[in-house]
Protein backbone atom coordinates (compact mmCIF):
# COMPACT_ATOMS: atom_id res chain seq x y z
CA UNK A 1 0.00 0.00 0.00
CA UNK A 2 2.79 2.42 0.93
CA UNK A 3 4.73 1.62 -2.26
CA UNK A 4 1.65 2.29 -4.36
CA UNK A 5 1.03 5.56 -2.50
CA UNK A 6 4.60 6.76 -2.99
CA UNK A 7 4.36 6.19 -6.77
CA UNK A 8 1.59 8.80 -7.06
CA UNK A 9 2.24 12.55 -7.33
CA UNK A 10 0.44 13.39 -4.10
CA UNK A 11 2.00 10.54 -2.11
CA UNK A 12 5.71 11.18 -2.70
CA UNK A 13 7.62 11.12 0.55
CA UNK A 14 4.71 9.52 2.48
CA UNK A 15 5.85 7.98 5.76
CA UNK A 16 4.08 5.15 7.57
CA UNK A 17 3.30 6.47 11.06
CA UNK A 18 1.65 3.35 12.50
CA UNK A 19 -0.46 0.35 11.62
CA UNK A 20 -3.23 -1.31 13.61
CA UNK A 21 -4.75 -4.74 13.41
CA UNK A 22 -8.05 -5.79 14.96
CA UNK A 23 -8.18 -9.48 15.73
CA UNK A 24 -11.23 -11.72 16.12
CA UNK A 25 -11.16 -11.33 19.91
CA UNK A 26 -11.54 -7.54 19.67
CA UNK A 27 -14.15 -7.93 16.93
CA UNK A 28 -16.18 -10.22 19.19
CA UNK A 29 -15.94 -7.72 22.07
CA UNK A 30 -17.17 -4.94 19.79
CA UNK A 31 -20.05 -7.10 18.59
CA UNK A 32 -21.08 -7.97 22.17
CA UNK A 33 -20.83 -4.29 23.17
CA UNK A 34 -23.02 -3.28 20.21
CA UNK A 35 -25.72 -5.84 20.99
CA UNK A 36 -25.62 -4.97 24.71
CA UNK A 37 -26.07 -1.27 23.99
CA UNK A 38 -29.17 -2.01 21.88
CA UNK A 39 -30.65 -4.26 24.60
CA UNK A 40 -30.03 -1.64 27.32
CA UNK A 41 -31.53 1.06 25.09
CA UNK A 42 -34.70 -1.02 24.63
CA UNK A 43 -35.04 -1.65 28.38
CA UNK A 44 -34.70 2.03 29.23
CA UNK A 45 -37.13 2.95 26.44
CA UNK A 46 -39.73 0.60 27.90
CA UNK A 47 -39.22 2.03 31.39
CA UNK A 48 -39.40 5.64 30.17
CA UNK A 49 -42.61 5.12 28.17
CA UNK A 50 -44.26 3.15 30.99
CA UNK A 51 -43.59 6.09 33.36
CA UNK A 52 -44.22 8.90 30.87
CA UNK A 53 -47.37 7.55 29.26
CA UNK A 54 -48.98 4.32 30.42
CA UNK A 55 -47.94 0.71 30.78
CA UNK A 56 -49.94 -0.31 27.70
CA UNK A 57 -47.87 2.03 25.49
CA UNK A 58 -44.42 0.65 26.40
CA UNK A 59 -44.58 -2.75 24.62
CA UNK A 60 -45.84 -1.07 21.44
CA UNK A 61 -42.81 1.23 21.29
CA UNK A 62 -40.40 -1.64 21.97
CA UNK A 63 -42.04 -3.88 19.34
CA UNK A 64 -41.80 -1.04 16.80
CA UNK A 65 -38.12 -0.44 17.59
CA UNK A 66 -37.33 -4.19 17.42
CA UNK A 67 -39.19 -4.30 14.10
CA UNK A 68 -37.03 -1.47 12.72
CA UNK A 69 -33.75 -2.99 13.91
CA UNK A 70 -34.67 -6.47 12.63
CA UNK A 71 -35.62 -5.24 9.16
CA UNK A 72 -32.55 -2.99 8.84
CA UNK A 73 -30.28 -5.80 10.03
CA UNK A 74 -32.08 -8.23 7.72
CA UNK A 75 -31.52 -5.87 4.79
CA UNK A 76 -27.75 -6.05 5.26
CA UNK A 77 -27.92 -9.82 5.65
CA UNK A 78 -29.98 -10.07 2.44
CA UNK A 79 -27.47 -8.04 0.41
CA UNK A 80 -24.65 -10.02 2.11
CA UNK A 81 -22.96 -6.91 3.43
CA UNK A 82 -20.67 -7.03 6.45
CA UNK A 83 -22.26 -5.57 9.59
CA UNK A 84 -19.57 -3.16 10.75
CA UNK A 85 -19.39 -0.70 13.65
CA UNK A 86 -20.83 2.19 11.58
CA UNK A 87 -23.88 0.02 10.91
CA UNK A 88 -24.22 -0.77 14.63
CA UNK A 89 -24.01 2.99 15.30
CA UNK A 90 -26.70 3.52 12.67
CA UNK A 91 -28.91 0.91 14.37
CA UNK A 92 -28.64 2.85 17.63
CA UNK A 93 -29.49 6.05 15.75
CA UNK A 94 -32.51 4.30 14.23
CA UNK A 95 -33.65 3.33 17.76
CA UNK A 96 -33.67 7.01 18.72
CA UNK A 97 -35.32 8.16 15.49
CA UNK A 98 -38.04 5.53 15.58
CA UNK A 99 -38.72 6.17 19.25
CA UNK A 100 -39.03 9.91 18.67
CA UNK A 101 -41.52 9.32 15.87
CA UNK A 102 -43.50 6.85 17.97
CA UNK A 103 -43.62 9.18 20.98
CA UNK A 104 -45.11 11.97 18.84
CA UNK A 105 -47.96 9.63 17.84
CA UNK A 106 -48.36 8.34 21.42
CA UNK A 107 -48.47 11.87 22.79
CA UNK A 108 -51.32 12.76 20.43
CA UNK A 109 -53.14 9.53 21.38
CA UNK A 110 -52.86 10.47 25.06
CA UNK A 111 -54.11 14.02 24.43
CA UNK A 112 -57.08 12.81 22.39
CA UNK A 113 -57.84 10.02 24.86
CA UNK A 114 -58.22 12.60 27.65
CA UNK A 115 -60.50 14.74 25.44
CA UNK A 116 -62.56 11.88 24.02
CA UNK A 117 -62.85 9.51 26.98
CA UNK A 118 -66.20 8.10 25.86
CA UNK A 119 -64.85 6.94 22.48
CA UNK A 120 -63.23 3.57 21.95
CA UNK A 121 -59.42 3.54 22.01
CA UNK A 122 -59.14 2.25 18.42
CA UNK A 123 -61.09 5.30 17.16
CA UNK A 124 -58.93 7.65 19.25
CA UNK A 125 -55.77 5.99 17.87
CA UNK A 126 -57.07 6.30 14.31
CA UNK A 127 -57.85 10.00 14.76
CA UNK A 128 -54.47 10.63 16.40
CA UNK A 129 -52.57 8.92 13.57
CA UNK A 130 -54.49 10.99 10.99
CA UNK A 131 -53.62 14.19 12.88
CA UNK A 132 -49.89 13.38 13.05
CA UNK A 133 -49.54 11.72 9.63
CA UNK A 134 -48.48 14.82 7.67
CA UNK A 135 -45.91 15.75 10.33
CA UNK A 136 -44.50 12.21 10.35
CA UNK A 137 -44.21 12.02 6.56
CA UNK A 138 -42.65 15.48 6.20
CA UNK A 139 -40.09 14.79 8.93
CA UNK A 140 -39.16 11.46 7.35
CA UNK A 141 -38.92 12.98 3.88
CA UNK A 142 -36.61 15.75 5.13
CA UNK A 143 -34.44 13.19 6.91
CA UNK A 144 -34.30 10.98 3.81
CA UNK A 145 -33.16 13.89 1.63
CA UNK A 146 -30.34 14.64 4.07
CA UNK A 147 -29.25 11.03 4.56
CA UNK A 148 -29.57 10.36 0.83
CA UNK A 149 -27.18 13.24 0.15
CA UNK A 150 -24.70 11.78 2.64
CA UNK A 151 -25.00 8.38 0.92
CA UNK A 152 -24.43 9.83 -2.57
CA UNK A 153 -21.61 12.22 -1.65
CA UNK A 154 -20.04 10.39 1.31
CA UNK A 155 -17.05 8.08 1.48
CA UNK A 156 -16.78 4.36 2.23
CA UNK A 157 -17.61 4.06 5.94
CA UNK A 158 -20.15 6.90 5.98
CA UNK A 159 -21.99 5.24 3.07
CA UNK A 160 -22.69 2.16 5.20
CA UNK A 161 -23.98 4.40 7.99
CA UNK A 162 -26.15 6.40 5.58
CA UNK A 163 -27.54 3.29 3.86
CA UNK A 164 -28.56 1.81 7.22
CA UNK A 165 -30.23 5.11 8.14
CA UNK A 166 -32.12 5.25 4.84
CA UNK A 167 -33.57 1.78 5.44
CA UNK A 168 -34.21 2.59 9.13
CA UNK A 169 -36.00 5.88 8.46
CA UNK A 170 -38.33 4.30 5.89
CA UNK A 171 -39.09 1.34 8.16
CA UNK A 172 -39.30 3.56 11.27
CA UNK A 173 -41.91 5.79 9.62
CA UNK A 174 -43.95 2.72 8.74
CA UNK A 175 -43.63 1.14 12.19
CA UNK A 176 -44.64 4.18 14.24
CA UNK A 177 -47.95 4.23 12.35
CA UNK A 178 -48.67 0.58 11.52
CA UNK A 179 -46.89 -1.34 14.29
CA UNK A 180 -46.66 0.65 17.54
CA UNK A 181 -50.23 1.98 17.63
CA UNK A 182 -51.96 -1.32 16.72
CA UNK A 183 -49.97 -3.05 19.49
CA UNK A 184 -51.38 -0.48 21.96
CA UNK A 185 -54.94 -1.22 20.77
CA UNK A 186 -54.31 -4.98 20.95
CA UNK A 187 -52.96 -4.81 24.51
CA UNK A 188 -55.86 -2.59 25.57
CA UNK A 189 -58.41 -5.07 24.21
CA UNK A 190 -56.61 -8.17 25.44
CA UNK A 191 -55.55 -7.15 28.95
CA UNK A 192 -56.53 -3.69 30.17
CA UNK A 193 -60.20 -3.78 29.20
CA UNK A 194 -60.61 -7.14 30.96
CA UNK A 195 -59.12 -5.64 34.13
CA UNK A 196 -61.51 -2.66 33.88
CA UNK A 197 -64.53 -4.97 33.44
CA UNK A 198 -63.43 -7.14 36.41
C-alpha atoms as a PDB file:
ATOM      1  CA  UNK A   1       0.000   0.000   0.000  1.00  0.00           C
ATOM      2  CA  UNK A   2       2.792   2.415   0.935  1.00  0.00           C
ATOM      3  CA  UNK A   3       4.730   1.618  -2.259  1.00  0.00           C
ATOM      4  CA  UNK A   4       1.655   2.293  -4.359  1.00  0.00           C
ATOM      5  CA  UNK A   5       1.034   5.557  -2.499  1.00  0.00           C
ATOM      6  CA  UNK A   6       4.600   6.756  -2.995  1.00  0.00           C
ATOM      7  CA  UNK A   7       4.357   6.191  -6.769  1.00  0.00           C
ATOM      8  CA  UNK A   8       1.590   8.801  -7.065  1.00  0.00           C
ATOM      9  CA  UNK A   9       2.242  12.552  -7.333  1.00  0.00           C
ATOM     10  CA  UNK A  10       0.442  13.388  -4.105  1.00  0.00           C
ATOM     11  CA  UNK A  11       1.997  10.537  -2.113  1.00  0.00           C
ATOM     12  CA  UNK A  12       5.708  11.183  -2.699  1.00  0.00           C
ATOM     13  CA  UNK A  13       7.615  11.116   0.546  1.00  0.00           C
ATOM     14  CA  UNK A  14       4.715   9.519   2.483  1.00  0.00           C
ATOM     15  CA  UNK A  15       5.845   7.977   5.763  1.00  0.00           C
ATOM     16  CA  UNK A  16       4.082   5.148   7.569  1.00  0.00           C
ATOM     17  CA  UNK A  17       3.300   6.471  11.063  1.00  0.00           C
ATOM     18  CA  UNK A  18       1.652   3.349  12.500  1.00  0.00           C
ATOM     19  CA  UNK A  19      -0.462   0.348  11.619  1.00  0.00           C
ATOM     20  CA  UNK A  20      -3.225  -1.312  13.606  1.00  0.00           C
ATOM     21  CA  UNK A  21      -4.753  -4.742  13.410  1.00  0.00           C
ATOM     22  CA  UNK A  22      -8.051  -5.791  14.960  1.00  0.00           C
ATOM     23  CA  UNK A  23      -8.177  -9.484  15.726  1.00  0.00           C
ATOM     24  CA  UNK A  24     -11.234 -11.718  16.118  1.00  0.00           C
ATOM     25  CA  UNK A  25     -11.164 -11.325  19.909  1.00  0.00           C
ATOM     26  CA  UNK A  26     -11.536  -7.542  19.669  1.00  0.00           C
ATOM     27  CA  UNK A  27     -14.155  -7.926  16.934  1.00  0.00           C
ATOM     28  CA  UNK A  28     -16.176 -10.220  19.193  1.00  0.00           C
ATOM     29  CA  UNK A  29     -15.940  -7.722  22.071  1.00  0.00           C
ATOM     30  CA  UNK A  30     -17.168  -4.936  19.790  1.00  0.00           C
ATOM     31  CA  UNK A  31     -20.053  -7.103  18.594  1.00  0.00           C
ATOM     32  CA  UNK A  32     -21.076  -7.972  22.165  1.00  0.00           C
ATOM     33  CA  UNK A  33     -20.830  -4.295  23.170  1.00  0.00           C
ATOM     34  CA  UNK A  34     -23.018  -3.281  20.209  1.00  0.00           C
ATOM     35  CA  UNK A  35     -25.720  -5.837  20.989  1.00  0.00           C
ATOM     36  CA  UNK A  36     -25.616  -4.970  24.710  1.00  0.00           C
ATOM     37  CA  UNK A  37     -26.067  -1.271  23.986  1.00  0.00           C
ATOM     38  CA  UNK A  38     -29.165  -2.006  21.876  1.00  0.00           C
ATOM     39  CA  UNK A  39     -30.649  -4.257  24.596  1.00  0.00           C
ATOM     40  CA  UNK A  40     -30.031  -1.639  27.315  1.00  0.00           C
ATOM     41  CA  UNK A  41     -31.526   1.055  25.092  1.00  0.00           C
ATOM     42  CA  UNK A  42     -34.703  -1.023  24.632  1.00  0.00           C
ATOM     43  CA  UNK A  43     -35.043  -1.648  28.384  1.00  0.00           C
ATOM     44  CA  UNK A  44     -34.699   2.033  29.225  1.00  0.00           C
ATOM     45  CA  UNK A  45     -37.131   2.953  26.439  1.00  0.00           C
ATOM     46  CA  UNK A  46     -39.728   0.598  27.901  1.00  0.00           C
ATOM     47  CA  UNK A  47     -39.215   2.035  31.388  1.00  0.00           C
ATOM     48  CA  UNK A  48     -39.400   5.640  30.168  1.00  0.00           C
ATOM     49  CA  UNK A  49     -42.607   5.118  28.173  1.00  0.00           C
ATOM     50  CA  UNK A  50     -44.262   3.154  30.992  1.00  0.00           C
ATOM     51  CA  UNK A  51     -43.591   6.086  33.365  1.00  0.00           C
ATOM     52  CA  UNK A  52     -44.216   8.904  30.873  1.00  0.00           C
ATOM     53  CA  UNK A  53     -47.374   7.547  29.264  1.00  0.00           C
ATOM     54  CA  UNK A  54     -48.982   4.319  30.421  1.00  0.00           C
ATOM     55  CA  UNK A  55     -47.936   0.705  30.778  1.00  0.00           C
ATOM     56  CA  UNK A  56     -49.942  -0.310  27.703  1.00  0.00           C
ATOM     57  CA  UNK A  57     -47.868   2.029  25.486  1.00  0.00           C
ATOM     58  CA  UNK A  58     -44.416   0.645  26.402  1.00  0.00           C
ATOM     59  CA  UNK A  59     -44.582  -2.748  24.621  1.00  0.00           C
ATOM     60  CA  UNK A  60     -45.840  -1.066  21.438  1.00  0.00           C
ATOM     61  CA  UNK A  61     -42.815   1.226  21.294  1.00  0.00           C
ATOM     62  CA  UNK A  62     -40.397  -1.640  21.965  1.00  0.00           C
ATOM     63  CA  UNK A  63     -42.038  -3.882  19.341  1.00  0.00           C
ATOM     64  CA  UNK A  64     -41.799  -1.035  16.798  1.00  0.00           C
ATOM     65  CA  UNK A  65     -38.117  -0.441  17.589  1.00  0.00           C
ATOM     66  CA  UNK A  66     -37.333  -4.188  17.418  1.00  0.00           C
ATOM     67  CA  UNK A  67     -39.193  -4.299  14.099  1.00  0.00           C
ATOM     68  CA  UNK A  68     -37.028  -1.466  12.720  1.00  0.00           C
ATOM     69  CA  UNK A  69     -33.752  -2.994  13.912  1.00  0.00           C
ATOM     70  CA  UNK A  70     -34.668  -6.470  12.631  1.00  0.00           C
ATOM     71  CA  UNK A  71     -35.617  -5.240   9.163  1.00  0.00           C
ATOM     72  CA  UNK A  72     -32.554  -2.988   8.845  1.00  0.00           C
ATOM     73  CA  UNK A  73     -30.277  -5.795  10.026  1.00  0.00           C
ATOM     74  CA  UNK A  74     -32.075  -8.225   7.719  1.00  0.00           C
ATOM     75  CA  UNK A  75     -31.519  -5.867   4.789  1.00  0.00           C
ATOM     76  CA  UNK A  76     -27.749  -6.047   5.262  1.00  0.00           C
ATOM     77  CA  UNK A  77     -27.919  -9.825   5.646  1.00  0.00           C
ATOM     78  CA  UNK A  78     -29.984 -10.068   2.439  1.00  0.00           C
ATOM     79  CA  UNK A  79     -27.465  -8.041   0.412  1.00  0.00           C
ATOM     80  CA  UNK A  80     -24.649 -10.019   2.110  1.00  0.00           C
ATOM     81  CA  UNK A  81     -22.963  -6.906   3.434  1.00  0.00           C
ATOM     82  CA  UNK A  82     -20.672  -7.027   6.452  1.00  0.00           C
ATOM     83  CA  UNK A  83     -22.261  -5.565   9.592  1.00  0.00           C
ATOM     84  CA  UNK A  84     -19.571  -3.162  10.753  1.00  0.00           C
ATOM     85  CA  UNK A  85     -19.390  -0.705  13.646  1.00  0.00           C
ATOM     86  CA  UNK A  86     -20.826   2.195  11.576  1.00  0.00           C
ATOM     87  CA  UNK A  87     -23.878   0.017  10.910  1.00  0.00           C
ATOM     88  CA  UNK A  88     -24.223  -0.767  14.634  1.00  0.00           C
ATOM     89  CA  UNK A  89     -24.008   2.987  15.301  1.00  0.00           C
ATOM     90  CA  UNK A  90     -26.697   3.525  12.667  1.00  0.00           C
ATOM     91  CA  UNK A  91     -28.908   0.910  14.366  1.00  0.00           C
ATOM     92  CA  UNK A  92     -28.645   2.851  17.630  1.00  0.00           C
ATOM     93  CA  UNK A  93     -29.494   6.053  15.749  1.00  0.00           C
ATOM     94  CA  UNK A  94     -32.515   4.302  14.234  1.00  0.00           C
ATOM     95  CA  UNK A  95     -33.648   3.327  17.756  1.00  0.00           C
ATOM     96  CA  UNK A  96     -33.674   7.005  18.725  1.00  0.00           C
ATOM     97  CA  UNK A  97     -35.317   8.158  15.491  1.00  0.00           C
ATOM     98  CA  UNK A  98     -38.045   5.528  15.583  1.00  0.00           C
ATOM     99  CA  UNK A  99     -38.721   6.168  19.251  1.00  0.00           C
ATOM    100  CA  UNK A 100     -39.032   9.909  18.674  1.00  0.00           C
ATOM    101  CA  UNK A 101     -41.524   9.321  15.872  1.00  0.00           C
ATOM    102  CA  UNK A 102     -43.505   6.848  17.966  1.00  0.00           C
ATOM    103  CA  UNK A 103     -43.618   9.182  20.976  1.00  0.00           C
ATOM    104  CA  UNK A 104     -45.109  11.969  18.838  1.00  0.00           C
ATOM    105  CA  UNK A 105     -47.959   9.632  17.840  1.00  0.00           C
ATOM    106  CA  UNK A 106     -48.360   8.337  21.425  1.00  0.00           C
ATOM    107  CA  UNK A 107     -48.473  11.874  22.792  1.00  0.00           C
ATOM    108  CA  UNK A 108     -51.319  12.764  20.431  1.00  0.00           C
ATOM    109  CA  UNK A 109     -53.142   9.534  21.379  1.00  0.00           C
ATOM    110  CA  UNK A 110     -52.857  10.465  25.060  1.00  0.00           C
ATOM    111  CA  UNK A 111     -54.113  14.023  24.428  1.00  0.00           C
ATOM    112  CA  UNK A 112     -57.083  12.808  22.391  1.00  0.00           C
ATOM    113  CA  UNK A 113     -57.836  10.019  24.865  1.00  0.00           C
ATOM    114  CA  UNK A 114     -58.216  12.602  27.646  1.00  0.00           C
ATOM    115  CA  UNK A 115     -60.501  14.742  25.444  1.00  0.00           C
ATOM    116  CA  UNK A 116     -62.564  11.878  24.019  1.00  0.00           C
ATOM    117  CA  UNK A 117     -62.852   9.506  26.975  1.00  0.00           C
ATOM    118  CA  UNK A 118     -66.202   8.100  25.861  1.00  0.00           C
ATOM    119  CA  UNK A 119     -64.851   6.944  22.483  1.00  0.00           C
ATOM    120  CA  UNK A 120     -63.233   3.565  21.950  1.00  0.00           C
ATOM    121  CA  UNK A 121     -59.416   3.542  22.005  1.00  0.00           C
ATOM    122  CA  UNK A 122     -59.142   2.251  18.418  1.00  0.00           C
ATOM    123  CA  UNK A 123     -61.086   5.301  17.160  1.00  0.00           C
ATOM    124  CA  UNK A 124     -58.930   7.647  19.250  1.00  0.00           C
ATOM    125  CA  UNK A 125     -55.774   5.990  17.870  1.00  0.00           C
ATOM    126  CA  UNK A 126     -57.074   6.299  14.310  1.00  0.00           C
ATOM    127  CA  UNK A 127     -57.849   9.999  14.761  1.00  0.00           C
ATOM    128  CA  UNK A 128     -54.467  10.632  16.397  1.00  0.00           C
ATOM    129  CA  UNK A 129     -52.574   8.923  13.570  1.00  0.00           C
ATOM    130  CA  UNK A 130     -54.491  10.995  10.991  1.00  0.00           C
ATOM    131  CA  UNK A 131     -53.620  14.188  12.878  1.00  0.00           C
ATOM    132  CA  UNK A 132     -49.889  13.384  13.054  1.00  0.00           C
ATOM    133  CA  UNK A 133     -49.543  11.720   9.626  1.00  0.00           C
ATOM    134  CA  UNK A 134     -48.480  14.815   7.666  1.00  0.00           C
ATOM    135  CA  UNK A 135     -45.908  15.753  10.330  1.00  0.00           C
ATOM    136  CA  UNK A 136     -44.497  12.215  10.355  1.00  0.00           C
ATOM    137  CA  UNK A 137     -44.215  12.019   6.564  1.00  0.00           C
ATOM    138  CA  UNK A 138     -42.653  15.482   6.205  1.00  0.00           C
ATOM    139  CA  UNK A 139     -40.092  14.790   8.935  1.00  0.00           C
ATOM    140  CA  UNK A 140     -39.156  11.461   7.351  1.00  0.00           C
ATOM    141  CA  UNK A 141     -38.918  12.982   3.879  1.00  0.00           C
ATOM    142  CA  UNK A 142     -36.612  15.750   5.126  1.00  0.00           C
ATOM    143  CA  UNK A 143     -34.443  13.191   6.915  1.00  0.00           C
ATOM    144  CA  UNK A 144     -34.304  10.983   3.811  1.00  0.00           C
ATOM    145  CA  UNK A 145     -33.162  13.890   1.632  1.00  0.00           C
ATOM    146  CA  UNK A 146     -30.335  14.638   4.069  1.00  0.00           C
ATOM    147  CA  UNK A 147     -29.255  11.035   4.565  1.00  0.00           C
ATOM    148  CA  UNK A 148     -29.574  10.362   0.834  1.00  0.00           C
ATOM    149  CA  UNK A 149     -27.180  13.242   0.155  1.00  0.00           C
ATOM    150  CA  UNK A 150     -24.701  11.776   2.638  1.00  0.00           C
ATOM    151  CA  UNK A 151     -24.998   8.381   0.919  1.00  0.00           C
ATOM    152  CA  UNK A 152     -24.429   9.825  -2.565  1.00  0.00           C
ATOM    153  CA  UNK A 153     -21.606  12.220  -1.651  1.00  0.00           C
ATOM    154  CA  UNK A 154     -20.045  10.393   1.308  1.00  0.00           C
ATOM    155  CA  UNK A 155     -17.049   8.079   1.484  1.00  0.00           C
ATOM    156  CA  UNK A 156     -16.782   4.360   2.228  1.00  0.00           C
ATOM    157  CA  UNK A 157     -17.609   4.064   5.936  1.00  0.00           C
ATOM    158  CA  UNK A 158     -20.145   6.900   5.981  1.00  0.00           C
ATOM    159  CA  UNK A 159     -21.985   5.242   3.068  1.00  0.00           C
ATOM    160  CA  UNK A 160     -22.691   2.163   5.196  1.00  0.00           C
ATOM    161  CA  UNK A 161     -23.979   4.400   7.992  1.00  0.00           C
ATOM    162  CA  UNK A 162     -26.147   6.405   5.579  1.00  0.00           C
ATOM    163  CA  UNK A 163     -27.541   3.293   3.861  1.00  0.00           C
ATOM    164  CA  UNK A 164     -28.560   1.811   7.220  1.00  0.00           C
ATOM    165  CA  UNK A 165     -30.229   5.109   8.142  1.00  0.00           C
ATOM    166  CA  UNK A 166     -32.124   5.248   4.840  1.00  0.00           C
ATOM    167  CA  UNK A 167     -33.570   1.782   5.441  1.00  0.00           C
ATOM    168  CA  UNK A 168     -34.209   2.585   9.126  1.00  0.00           C
ATOM    169  CA  UNK A 169     -35.998   5.877   8.459  1.00  0.00           C
ATOM    170  CA  UNK A 170     -38.334   4.297   5.891  1.00  0.00           C
ATOM    171  CA  UNK A 171     -39.093   1.335   8.159  1.00  0.00           C
ATOM    172  CA  UNK A 172     -39.304   3.559  11.272  1.00  0.00           C
ATOM    173  CA  UNK A 173     -41.908   5.788   9.624  1.00  0.00           C
ATOM    174  CA  UNK A 174     -43.953   2.721   8.744  1.00  0.00           C
ATOM    175  CA  UNK A 175     -43.629   1.143  12.186  1.00  0.00           C
ATOM    176  CA  UNK A 176     -44.635   4.182  14.238  1.00  0.00           C
ATOM    177  CA  UNK A 177     -47.954   4.226  12.354  1.00  0.00           C
ATOM    178  CA  UNK A 178     -48.667   0.583  11.516  1.00  0.00           C
ATOM    179  CA  UNK A 179     -46.891  -1.344  14.290  1.00  0.00           C
ATOM    180  CA  UNK A 180     -46.663   0.647  17.545  1.00  0.00           C
ATOM    181  CA  UNK A 181     -50.228   1.981  17.635  1.00  0.00           C
ATOM    182  CA  UNK A 182     -51.959  -1.318  16.721  1.00  0.00           C
ATOM    183  CA  UNK A 183     -49.975  -3.053  19.488  1.00  0.00           C
ATOM    184  CA  UNK A 184     -51.382  -0.484  21.961  1.00  0.00           C
ATOM    185  CA  UNK A 185     -54.936  -1.217  20.769  1.00  0.00           C
ATOM    186  CA  UNK A 186     -54.314  -4.981  20.945  1.00  0.00           C
ATOM    187  CA  UNK A 187     -52.963  -4.809  24.506  1.00  0.00           C
ATOM    188  CA  UNK A 188     -55.855  -2.595  25.575  1.00  0.00           C
ATOM    189  CA  UNK A 189     -58.413  -5.066  24.213  1.00  0.00           C
ATOM    190  CA  UNK A 190     -56.607  -8.167  25.438  1.00  0.00           C
ATOM    191  CA  UNK A 191     -55.547  -7.155  28.952  1.00  0.00           C
ATOM    192  CA  UNK A 192     -56.531  -3.690  30.166  1.00  0.00           C
ATOM    193  CA  UNK A 193     -60.200  -3.780  29.197  1.00  0.00           C
ATOM    194  CA  UNK A 194     -60.606  -7.145  30.962  1.00  0.00           C
ATOM    195  CA  UNK A 195     -59.123  -5.642  34.128  1.00  0.00           C
ATOM    196  CA  UNK A 196     -61.513  -2.659  33.879  1.00  0.00           C
ATOM    197  CA  UNK A 197     -64.532  -4.973  33.442  1.00  0.00           C
ATOM    198  CA  UNK A 198     -63.435  -7.143  36.408  1.00  0.00           C
END
